Amino acid sequence: MQNNTDVVNKLWGFCHILRHDGMDYGDYVEQLTFLLFLKMADEKGVEIPKAYSWEVLKYKSGTDLTDFYQDLLRTLSKEDGILGDIFAEALSKFTKPVNLKKLIDLIDDIDWSGLNVDVKAEAYEGLLEKSASEGKKGAGQYFTPRVLINAIVRCVKPDPRVSKEFTVSDPASGTGGFLVSAYQWFLDEVGSAINRDDLDRIRKQTYYGTELVARPRRLALMNLYLHGILSQIRLADSIYEPDKGDRFDVVLTNPPFGTKGANQVPERQDFTIGTSNKQLNFVQHILTILKSGGRAAVVLPDNVLFADQAGEIFKILMQDCNLHTILRLPRGTFTPYSQGVKANVIFFTKGLPTEKVWIYDARTNVPIVTKKDRPLTDKHFDEFVKCYGDNPGGTSKRSEDCSKEGRWKPFSIEQVKERNYKLDSFKWLKDEDLEDPDDLPDPEELITDILSELKEAIDGLEKIQEELENGD
C-alpha cells in the first residue's frame, strides 16, 4: 500500500510539468480536487450524472478530452448538494490535452479507496501545504500549520458528544484545517465506542465554516469530504454580512492577516466598536456567534493587540468573556509563507468576565522556526498544552511552576486595565538575542518591536496629557 508521502510526491512531481502549461500551484491543486473527487465518487458509488462519470472521462483523449472536461465542469457546477458546491464556478486550466490525459492516468493508477482515510486525507493536505509553501505570497492566510492547529484543539477539546446540538465553526475556514483537526481529535477520543447513527449525525451536523474566496472553500469541502465530513462551508464574508443568527459551541479560527479587503467599517448593529481592522472585527463577530458558555481560540498577529481601538474591543471582550489564556507563538510559526509575522492565540469562554489572564511565552529565547533546519513541531507547544490544563474552558488549577523556564505567568484584570487592555505589552522574560549584537533578530522583527514600544509610549503620554487637561 502506498503511504501519503508516496502519493504526494507522485502527484506533486507532475505539477512541475504543468508549470510549463501556464498553471500555478493553486490551479494545480484545484484541478486535482475536481479529478480526485470524480475518481473517488466512482470508487464509492457516489451519484454522478452517468454521462460525466470517471469511466467516461478516462477514455477520452485529444481535443475531445479538453472539450468534454470543460462541459463536465459546467454541468456538475449546476448539481445540488456537495457536488455543486465543489464544482461551483469551476473552470478548466488545461491548455494541452496531453497534460490532462497524463494527470487522469496518474490518478486512475492509484486505488484511492484502498488507502485508508488518514493516508489519503493526509496526502491531500500534503498537497495543500506544498501549494501554500511554493506559492508563498498570500497562501498563508488559507493554511495554518497543522502542528499549531492540533495544539489548539488539544486545549479546547471540541467534543460533539456533549449534546446533539453541539456545533463547531470556523468563520475564516480557508482550506478547513481547524474543522478537520476538531473531527480527528473527536475520533481519537472515542475510538470505536460510538454508534453509526451518532457518527452520521456528527459528520453531517457538527462542523460549519465560512470562506470569502471560492478556491479555498472548494479545497476545504474536498478536504473535509476526504475525512468523511459532509460539512457546510458557506461562500460569504463573515464580517461584512449581517448577523444570520447562527450560534456555535466552539469557534476555532485564524482570520486572514493583513489589511486587504473592503477596508471599511462594517455596518453591523452587533458590533459595538466601529473599525476597519479586519482582525478586530473578527473578534467582534466571534463574540456574536459564540453561544453563552461557548469557547473560542483565535489566532491574532501582534499588531492587532496594540492597534487603534484594540483596547476598546478587548475591554468589551473581557467584560463579556473570560479571556483566560494567551499563547505567544514562536517567531517563524507561519514559515515559509508569512515568515515575519508575529502572532498569538487568544482563548476565551463567553458568559463570565475576565479576572485573570495567563500568558505563555513560546517566543522569547526560542530559535526562529525555519522550513528545513528548525521546523515547527509538537515540542514547541507540549509544555503549553500541559500548563493550559485539562479543562477546555481554561479553569483548571494553574501554577507558574508548570514552566521550567518561567514562560507561564498570570496577570490580574487590574494589571490589564493599567495597560489600557493592550495585551501585547506583558513581557517579563529577558530577550537574550538582544544581548548579542552578532545574533540580532531580522530588521522586520526589530521594526515591529520598536513600533509596539512606541505605540505603548504614545498611549501613555496621551493618557498623561488627558489627565493634565482635566486638571489632574
Protein backbone atom coordinates (compact mmCIF):
# COMPACT_ATOMS: atom_id res chain seq x y z
CA MET A 1 0.00 0.00 0.00
CA GLN A 2 1.25 3.46 -0.85
CA ASN A 3 1.76 5.90 2.02
CA ASN A 4 0.86 9.55 1.97
CA THR A 5 4.41 10.66 1.14
CA ASP A 6 4.48 8.41 -1.93
CA VAL A 7 1.14 9.76 -3.14
CA VAL A 8 2.08 13.41 -2.55
CA ASN A 9 5.44 13.05 -4.28
CA LYS A 10 3.88 11.25 -7.23
CA LEU A 11 1.17 13.87 -7.75
CA TRP A 12 3.39 16.83 -6.93
CA GLY A 13 6.07 15.70 -9.34
CA PHE A 14 3.60 16.13 -12.17
CA CYS A 15 2.88 19.68 -11.10
CA HIS A 16 6.26 20.80 -12.39
CA ILE A 17 5.28 19.63 -15.88
CA LEU A 18 2.08 21.66 -15.72
CA ARG A 19 4.01 24.78 -14.72
CA HIS A 20 5.13 24.91 -18.34
CA ASP A 21 1.46 24.84 -19.33
CA GLY A 22 0.91 28.16 -17.51
CA MET A 23 -0.73 26.60 -14.44
CA ASP A 24 0.28 27.82 -10.98
CA TYR A 25 0.43 25.71 -7.81
CA GLY A 26 -3.01 26.71 -6.61
CA ASP A 27 -4.51 25.98 -10.03
CA TYR A 28 -2.93 22.55 -9.99
CA VAL A 29 -4.32 21.55 -6.60
CA GLU A 30 -7.72 22.88 -7.62
CA GLN A 31 -7.76 20.80 -10.81
CA LEU A 32 -6.62 17.81 -8.76
CA THR A 33 -9.60 18.43 -6.50
CA PHE A 34 -12.03 18.05 -9.38
CA LEU A 35 -10.41 14.91 -10.74
CA LEU A 36 -9.86 13.26 -7.35
CA PHE A 37 -13.49 13.77 -6.47
CA LEU A 38 -14.64 12.17 -9.72
CA LYS A 39 -12.32 9.18 -9.21
CA MET A 40 -13.39 8.61 -5.59
CA ALA A 41 -17.04 9.17 -6.44
CA ASP A 42 -16.64 6.34 -8.95
CA GLU A 43 -14.99 4.11 -6.33
CA LYS A 44 -17.53 4.88 -3.62
CA GLY A 45 -20.65 4.81 -5.79
CA VAL A 46 -21.47 8.47 -5.18
CA GLU A 47 -24.19 9.51 -7.59
CA ILE A 48 -22.75 11.40 -10.56
CA PRO A 49 -24.61 12.01 -13.84
CA LYS A 50 -23.66 8.90 -15.80
CA ALA A 51 -22.65 10.82 -18.90
CA TYR A 52 -19.98 12.66 -16.86
CA SER A 53 -18.60 9.82 -14.75
CA TRP A 54 -14.93 8.94 -14.30
CA GLU A 55 -15.38 5.88 -16.50
CA VAL A 56 -16.44 8.12 -19.40
CA LEU A 57 -13.79 10.78 -18.76
CA LYS A 58 -10.77 8.49 -18.56
CA TYR A 59 -11.27 7.08 -22.07
CA LYS A 60 -11.39 10.48 -23.76
CA SER A 61 -8.31 11.91 -25.48
CA GLY A 62 -7.12 14.85 -27.61
CA THR A 63 -9.28 17.93 -28.04
CA ASP A 64 -12.31 15.72 -27.41
CA LEU A 65 -10.99 15.29 -23.85
CA THR A 66 -10.46 19.01 -23.12
CA ASP A 67 -13.85 19.92 -24.61
CA PHE A 68 -15.57 17.16 -22.63
CA TYR A 69 -13.79 18.17 -19.40
CA GLN A 70 -14.95 21.78 -19.72
CA ASP A 71 -18.51 20.61 -20.36
CA LEU A 72 -18.28 18.25 -17.37
CA LEU A 73 -17.23 21.05 -15.01
CA ARG A 74 -20.00 23.32 -16.24
CA THR A 75 -22.67 20.62 -15.84
CA LEU A 76 -21.60 19.43 -12.38
CA SER A 77 -21.47 23.01 -11.09
CA LYS A 78 -25.26 23.10 -11.52
CA GLU A 79 -25.89 19.99 -9.42
CA ASP A 80 -27.36 20.18 -5.90
CA GLY A 81 -25.50 19.44 -2.66
CA ILE A 82 -21.78 18.91 -2.19
CA LEU A 83 -21.36 18.08 -5.88
CA GLY A 84 -22.49 21.55 -6.92
CA ASP A 85 -20.50 23.15 -4.08
CA ILE A 86 -17.22 21.51 -5.08
CA PHE A 87 -17.67 22.31 -8.77
CA ALA A 88 -19.15 25.80 -8.32
CA GLU A 89 -17.73 28.20 -10.92
CA ALA A 90 -15.20 25.52 -11.91
CA LEU A 91 -13.05 26.21 -14.97
CA SER A 92 -10.51 24.03 -16.72
CA LYS A 93 -6.95 25.36 -16.60
CA PHE A 94 -5.56 22.84 -19.06
CA THR A 95 -4.46 24.10 -22.48
CA LYS A 96 -2.78 20.90 -23.67
CA PRO A 97 -4.88 17.69 -23.87
CA VAL A 98 -1.79 15.54 -23.33
CA ASN A 99 -1.22 17.03 -19.86
CA LEU A 100 -4.83 16.50 -18.77
CA LYS A 101 -4.65 12.92 -20.03
CA LYS A 102 -1.43 12.24 -18.11
CA LEU A 103 -2.95 13.54 -14.87
CA ILE A 104 -6.10 11.45 -15.34
CA ASP A 105 -3.98 8.35 -15.92
CA LEU A 106 -1.87 9.16 -12.86
CA ILE A 107 -4.96 9.47 -10.62
CA ASP A 108 -6.58 6.40 -12.16
CA ASP A 109 -3.47 4.37 -11.32
CA ILE A 110 -4.00 4.95 -7.57
CA ASP A 111 -6.62 2.92 -5.72
CA TRP A 112 -7.89 5.74 -3.53
CA SER A 113 -10.42 3.55 -1.75
CA GLY A 114 -7.58 1.17 -0.94
CA LEU A 115 -5.85 3.94 1.00
CA ASN A 116 -7.25 4.34 4.50
CA VAL A 117 -8.91 7.67 5.18
CA ASP A 118 -5.97 9.02 7.17
CA VAL A 119 -3.46 8.35 4.41
CA LYS A 120 -5.46 9.80 1.54
CA ALA A 121 -6.60 12.79 3.60
CA GLU A 122 -3.03 13.46 4.75
CA ALA A 123 -1.85 13.10 1.17
CA TYR A 124 -4.33 15.75 0.08
CA GLU A 125 -3.36 18.02 2.98
CA GLY A 126 0.27 17.46 2.00
CA LEU A 127 -0.58 18.88 -1.41
CA LEU A 128 -2.34 21.85 0.16
CA GLU A 129 0.69 22.51 2.34
CA LYS A 130 3.04 22.23 -0.63
CA SER A 131 0.83 24.60 -2.59
CA ALA A 132 0.87 27.14 0.24
CA SER A 133 4.62 26.73 0.67
CA GLU A 134 5.51 27.01 -3.02
CA GLY A 135 3.01 29.74 -3.77
CA LYS A 136 4.14 31.62 -0.67
CA LYS A 137 2.68 35.06 -1.37
CA GLY A 138 -0.78 35.22 0.19
CA ALA A 139 -1.02 31.46 0.68
CA GLY A 140 -0.51 31.53 4.44
CA GLN A 141 -3.87 33.16 5.02
CA TYR A 142 -5.51 29.92 3.86
CA PHE A 143 -3.23 27.41 5.55
CA THR A 144 -2.45 27.35 9.28
CA PRO A 145 0.33 24.93 10.33
CA ARG A 146 -1.23 21.64 11.39
CA VAL A 147 1.09 21.43 14.42
CA LEU A 148 -0.37 24.68 15.78
CA ILE A 149 -3.95 23.70 14.96
CA ASN A 150 -3.57 20.37 16.76
CA ALA A 151 -2.17 22.06 19.88
CA ILE A 152 -5.11 24.49 19.96
CA VAL A 153 -7.63 21.67 19.51
CA ARG A 154 -5.96 19.61 22.27
CA CYS A 155 -6.65 22.51 24.63
CA VAL A 156 -10.20 23.42 23.53
CA LYS A 157 -11.45 19.81 23.22
CA PRO A 158 -14.44 20.29 20.86
CA ASP A 159 -16.43 17.22 21.91
CA PRO A 160 -19.72 16.78 19.98
CA ARG A 161 -20.89 14.12 22.44
CA VAL A 162 -21.86 16.93 24.83
CA SER A 163 -25.22 17.37 23.09
CA LYS A 164 -26.97 16.65 19.82
CA GLU A 165 -26.94 20.39 19.05
CA PHE A 166 -23.17 20.78 19.58
CA THR A 167 -21.54 22.72 16.74
CA VAL A 168 -18.06 23.89 15.77
CA SER A 169 -17.40 26.82 13.45
CA ASP A 170 -14.51 28.45 11.64
CA PRO A 171 -15.68 31.81 10.21
CA ALA A 172 -12.47 32.10 8.15
CA SER A 173 -12.17 28.45 7.22
CA GLY A 174 -9.53 28.59 4.47
CA THR A 175 -8.85 25.00 3.43
CA GLY A 176 -10.64 23.57 6.50
CA GLY A 177 -7.70 22.69 8.74
CA PHE A 178 -9.35 23.59 12.06
CA LEU A 179 -12.52 21.65 11.28
CA VAL A 180 -10.59 18.58 10.13
CA SER A 181 -8.45 18.63 13.27
CA ALA A 182 -11.50 19.05 15.51
CA TYR A 183 -13.11 15.99 13.93
CA GLN A 184 -9.89 13.95 14.06
CA TRP A 185 -9.48 14.81 17.78
CA PHE A 186 -13.01 13.52 18.38
CA LEU A 187 -12.31 10.26 16.52
CA ASP A 188 -9.12 9.74 18.52
CA GLU A 189 -11.07 10.28 21.74
CA VAL A 190 -13.94 7.88 21.03
CA GLY A 191 -12.14 5.20 19.04
CA SER A 192 -14.83 2.71 18.04
CA ALA A 193 -17.07 3.49 21.02
CA ILE A 194 -19.82 5.30 19.11
CA ASN A 195 -22.82 4.00 17.21
CA ARG A 196 -23.30 4.57 13.49
CA ASP A 197 -26.29 6.91 13.84
CA ASP A 198 -24.47 9.27 16.19
CA LEU A 199 -21.39 9.27 13.98
CA ASP A 200 -23.52 10.01 10.91
CA ARG A 201 -25.19 12.95 12.70
CA ILE A 202 -21.84 14.32 13.87
CA ARG A 203 -20.36 14.15 10.38
CA LYS A 204 -23.33 15.98 8.84
CA GLN A 205 -24.49 18.44 11.53
CA THR A 206 -21.48 19.50 13.62
CA TYR A 207 -18.86 21.28 11.52
CA TYR A 208 -19.56 24.62 9.86
CA GLY A 209 -17.46 27.24 8.16
CA THR A 210 -17.48 30.43 6.13
CA GLU A 211 -14.94 31.36 3.49
CA LEU A 212 -14.76 34.52 1.40
CA VAL A 213 -12.81 33.11 -1.56
CA ALA A 214 -14.18 30.39 -3.84
CA ARG A 215 -10.98 28.38 -4.34
CA PRO A 216 -10.07 27.70 -0.69
CA ARG A 217 -13.73 26.98 0.03
CA ARG A 218 -13.69 24.33 -2.69
CA LEU A 219 -10.45 22.88 -1.29
CA ALA A 220 -11.98 22.85 2.20
CA LEU A 221 -15.04 20.94 1.02
CA MET A 222 -12.82 18.36 -0.63
CA ASN A 223 -10.50 18.16 2.39
CA LEU A 224 -13.43 17.56 4.73
CA TYR A 225 -15.02 15.08 2.33
CA LEU A 226 -11.83 13.01 2.34
CA HIS A 227 -12.14 12.83 6.13
CA GLY A 228 -15.74 11.68 5.88
CA ILE A 229 -17.24 15.06 6.88
CA LEU A 230 -20.13 16.47 4.86
CA SER A 231 -19.57 19.97 6.16
CA GLN A 232 -21.41 23.17 5.37
CA ILE A 233 -18.91 25.79 4.21
CA ARG A 234 -20.68 28.95 3.10
CA LEU A 235 -19.16 31.24 0.47
CA ALA A 236 -19.63 34.60 2.18
CA ASP A 237 -17.94 37.48 4.01
CA SER A 238 -18.18 36.78 7.74
CA ILE A 239 -17.65 40.32 8.94
CA TYR A 240 -19.49 42.39 6.32
CA GLU A 241 -22.70 40.40 6.00
CA PRO A 242 -25.45 40.92 8.63
CA ASP A 243 -25.69 38.55 11.59
CA LYS A 244 -27.51 35.42 10.39
CA GLY A 245 -28.43 34.28 13.90
CA ASP A 246 -26.27 31.11 13.86
CA ARG A 247 -24.65 30.33 17.22
CA PHE A 248 -21.88 27.83 17.99
CA ASP A 249 -20.43 26.00 20.98
CA VAL A 250 -16.83 26.27 19.77
CA VAL A 251 -15.16 28.71 17.38
CA LEU A 252 -11.66 27.94 16.10
CA THR A 253 -10.17 30.32 13.56
CA ASN A 254 -7.19 32.13 12.09
CA PRO A 255 -8.62 35.28 10.46
CA PRO A 256 -6.63 36.37 7.37
CA PHE A 257 -3.65 38.60 8.18
CA GLY A 258 -3.15 41.99 6.58
CA THR A 259 -5.45 44.82 5.57
CA LYS A 260 -6.57 43.74 2.09
CA GLY A 261 -10.31 43.66 1.56
CA ALA A 262 -13.15 46.12 1.89
CA ASN A 263 -11.12 48.28 4.31
CA GLN A 264 -14.24 49.97 5.60
CA VAL A 265 -16.27 49.87 8.78
CA PRO A 266 -18.91 47.10 8.65
CA GLU A 267 -22.48 48.30 9.11
CA ARG A 268 -23.47 45.82 11.81
CA GLN A 269 -25.57 46.67 14.83
CA ASP A 270 -23.98 43.85 16.85
CA PHE A 271 -20.50 45.44 16.51
CA THR A 272 -20.03 47.81 19.44
CA ILE A 273 -16.85 49.43 18.13
CA GLY A 274 -16.66 50.74 14.57
CA THR A 275 -13.32 49.87 12.98
CA SER A 276 -11.97 48.87 9.58
CA ASN A 277 -9.42 46.49 11.17
CA LYS A 278 -10.37 43.05 9.85
CA GLN A 279 -8.99 41.01 12.72
CA LEU A 280 -10.63 43.18 15.38
CA ASN A 281 -13.91 42.83 13.50
CA PHE A 282 -13.48 39.07 13.52
CA VAL A 283 -13.12 39.26 17.30
CA GLN A 284 -16.42 41.16 17.47
CA HIS A 285 -18.03 38.68 15.07
CA ILE A 286 -16.94 35.74 17.24
CA LEU A 287 -18.38 37.47 20.28
CA THR A 288 -21.72 37.48 18.44
CA ILE A 289 -21.75 33.92 17.09
CA LEU A 290 -20.47 32.21 20.25
CA LYS A 291 -23.14 30.65 22.45
CA SER A 292 -23.22 31.56 26.14
CA GLY A 293 -20.78 29.15 27.75
CA GLY A 294 -19.13 28.58 24.37
CA ARG A 295 -15.38 28.77 23.96
CA ALA A 296 -13.10 30.16 21.26
CA ALA A 297 -9.48 30.11 20.18
CA VAL A 298 -8.39 32.80 17.72
CA VAL A 299 -5.02 33.42 16.06
CA LEU A 300 -4.15 37.14 16.00
CA PRO A 301 -0.95 38.93 14.93
CA ASP A 302 0.85 41.11 17.48
CA ASN A 303 -0.02 44.35 15.72
CA VAL A 304 -3.72 43.66 16.28
CA LEU A 305 -3.19 43.59 20.04
CA PHE A 306 -1.83 47.14 20.04
CA ALA A 307 -3.79 48.51 17.06
CA ASP A 308 -6.05 51.54 17.28
CA GLN A 309 -9.26 50.58 19.12
CA ALA A 310 -7.78 47.23 20.23
CA GLY A 311 -8.05 48.32 23.86
CA GLU A 312 -11.72 49.26 23.44
CA ILE A 313 -12.62 45.92 21.86
CA PHE A 314 -10.65 43.83 24.34
CA LYS A 315 -12.24 45.76 27.19
CA ILE A 316 -15.67 44.65 25.93
CA LEU A 317 -14.41 41.13 25.28
CA MET A 318 -13.06 40.83 28.83
CA GLN A 319 -16.30 42.11 30.30
CA ASP A 320 -18.40 39.57 28.39
CA CYS A 321 -15.93 36.67 28.35
CA ASN A 322 -13.26 35.02 30.43
CA LEU A 323 -10.16 35.66 28.33
CA HIS A 324 -8.18 33.21 30.39
CA THR A 325 -5.20 32.36 28.17
CA ILE A 326 -2.86 33.86 25.60
CA LEU A 327 -0.23 31.83 23.74
CA ARG A 328 2.59 33.94 22.31
CA LEU A 329 3.69 31.98 19.24
CA PRO A 330 7.32 31.31 18.23
CA ARG A 331 8.90 33.52 15.60
CA GLY A 332 8.55 31.98 12.16
CA THR A 333 5.44 29.95 13.03
CA PHE A 334 3.97 30.72 9.61
CA THR A 335 7.18 29.99 7.70
CA PRO A 336 7.56 29.97 4.74
CA TYR A 337 4.52 31.99 3.64
CA SER A 338 4.39 34.67 6.34
CA GLN A 339 7.76 34.29 8.00
CA GLY A 340 8.00 37.73 9.59
CA VAL A 341 4.54 37.71 11.20
CA LYS A 342 4.47 37.56 14.99
CA ALA A 343 1.25 36.13 16.30
CA ASN A 344 -0.67 34.90 19.33
CA VAL A 345 -3.60 32.65 20.13
CA ILE A 346 -6.24 34.03 22.49
CA PHE A 347 -8.53 31.60 24.31
CA PHE A 348 -11.80 32.76 25.88
CA THR A 349 -15.11 31.48 27.19
CA LYS A 350 -18.29 33.52 26.82
CA GLY A 351 -20.50 34.28 29.82
CA LEU A 352 -18.30 35.39 32.73
CA PRO A 353 -15.94 38.39 32.96
CA THR A 354 -12.17 38.03 32.97
CA GLU A 355 -10.46 38.09 36.35
CA LYS A 356 -7.03 36.81 35.40
CA VAL A 357 -5.14 36.25 32.12
CA TRP A 358 -2.46 33.58 31.88
CA ILE A 359 0.17 34.19 29.18
CA TYR A 360 2.53 31.54 27.83
CA ASP A 361 5.58 33.00 26.05
CA ALA A 362 6.70 30.42 23.47
CA ARG A 363 8.72 33.07 21.62
CA THR A 364 11.37 34.74 23.77
CA ASN A 365 14.75 32.98 23.51
CA VAL A 366 13.27 30.32 21.23
CA PRO A 367 15.20 29.92 17.94
CA ILE A 368 13.24 31.16 14.96
CA VAL A 369 11.30 28.46 13.12
CA THR A 370 12.67 27.61 9.68
CA LYS A 371 11.37 25.29 6.98
CA LYS A 372 14.25 22.79 6.99
CA ASP A 373 16.66 23.20 9.91
CA ARG A 374 14.19 24.11 12.69
CA PRO A 375 10.65 23.20 11.59
CA LEU A 376 7.62 23.73 13.82
CA THR A 377 6.97 20.57 15.86
CA ASP A 378 4.75 19.37 18.70
CA LYS A 379 7.59 20.11 21.14
CA HIS A 380 7.06 23.84 20.60
CA PHE A 381 3.64 23.52 22.29
CA ASP A 382 3.76 20.44 24.52
CA GLU A 383 4.59 22.39 27.68
CA PHE A 384 1.93 24.99 26.89
CA VAL A 385 -0.76 22.30 26.49
CA LYS A 386 0.29 20.84 29.85
CA CYS A 387 0.16 24.29 31.51
CA TYR A 388 -3.24 25.03 29.94
CA GLY A 389 -4.74 22.10 31.84
CA ASP A 390 -7.45 19.54 31.21
CA ASN A 391 -10.43 21.87 31.46
CA PRO A 392 -11.22 23.20 27.95
CA GLY A 393 -12.69 26.37 29.42
CA GLY A 394 -9.35 27.30 31.00
CA THR A 395 -10.49 26.81 34.60
CA SER A 396 -8.02 24.09 35.60
CA LYS A 397 -5.85 24.82 38.62
CA ARG A 398 -2.74 26.54 37.29
CA SER A 399 0.74 27.25 38.59
CA GLU A 400 3.72 29.23 37.30
CA ASP A 401 5.89 26.26 38.25
CA CYS A 402 4.42 24.38 35.29
CA SER A 403 7.03 26.01 33.05
CA LYS A 404 10.68 25.21 33.76
CA GLU A 405 11.89 28.40 32.08
CA GLY A 406 9.27 30.72 33.59
CA ARG A 407 7.26 31.06 30.38
CA TRP A 408 3.87 30.79 32.14
CA LYS A 409 2.66 33.82 34.07
CA PRO A 410 -0.69 35.25 35.27
CA PHE A 411 -1.81 38.89 35.15
CA SER A 412 -4.81 40.26 37.01
CA ILE A 413 -7.58 42.23 35.33
CA GLU A 414 -6.33 45.26 37.29
CA GLN A 415 -2.93 44.93 35.62
CA VAL A 416 -4.62 44.61 32.23
CA LYS A 417 -6.65 47.76 32.88
CA GLU A 418 -3.44 49.63 33.79
CA ARG A 419 -2.13 48.77 30.32
CA ASN A 420 -5.37 50.00 28.70
CA TYR A 421 -6.21 46.43 27.69
CA LYS A 422 -3.20 46.31 25.32
CA LEU A 423 -2.38 42.64 25.75
CA ASP A 424 0.87 42.64 23.76
CA SER A 425 2.67 44.69 26.41
CA PHE A 426 3.13 41.96 29.04
CA LYS A 427 6.74 40.85 28.62
CA TRP A 428 8.77 39.50 31.52
CA LEU A 429 11.48 37.27 30.04
CA LYS A 430 14.84 38.87 29.21
CA ASP A 431 15.48 38.52 25.48
CA GLU A 432 18.99 37.08 25.24
CA ASP A 433 19.09 37.63 21.46
CA LEU A 434 19.20 41.38 22.03
CA GLU A 435 22.31 40.96 24.22
CA ASP A 436 24.34 39.52 21.32
CA PRO A 437 24.99 42.11 18.56
CA ASP A 438 26.02 39.30 16.19
CA ASP A 439 22.72 37.48 16.59
CA LEU A 440 20.07 40.17 16.38
CA PRO A 441 16.57 39.41 15.06
CA ASP A 442 15.66 40.28 11.47
CA PRO A 443 15.18 44.01 10.72
CA GLU A 444 11.46 43.41 10.14
CA GLU A 445 11.16 41.93 13.63
CA LEU A 446 13.10 44.79 15.23
CA ILE A 447 10.90 47.36 13.47
CA THR A 448 7.74 45.58 14.66
CA ASP A 449 9.03 45.56 18.25
CA ILE A 450 10.04 49.22 18.08
CA LEU A 451 6.62 50.20 16.72
CA SER A 452 4.97 48.27 19.53
CA GLU A 453 7.09 50.05 22.16
CA LEU A 454 6.47 53.45 20.56
CA LYS A 455 2.74 52.78 20.41
CA GLU A 456 2.72 51.89 24.10
CA ALA A 457 4.71 55.02 24.95
CA ILE A 458 2.40 57.26 22.89
CA ASP A 459 -0.67 55.77 24.60
CA GLY A 460 0.90 56.52 27.97
CA LEU A 461 1.72 60.10 27.01
CA GLU A 462 -1.78 60.65 25.64
CA LYS A 463 -3.22 59.43 28.94
CA ILE A 464 -0.99 61.84 30.88
CA GLN A 465 -1.96 64.70 28.54
CA GLU A 466 -5.64 63.92 29.04
CA GLU A 467 -5.21 63.96 32.83
CA LEU A 468 -3.33 67.27 32.66
CA GLU A 469 -6.07 68.82 30.53
CA ASN A 470 -8.62 67.64 33.09
CA GLY A 471 -6.67 69.38 35.83
CA ASP A 472 -5.38 66.12 37.38
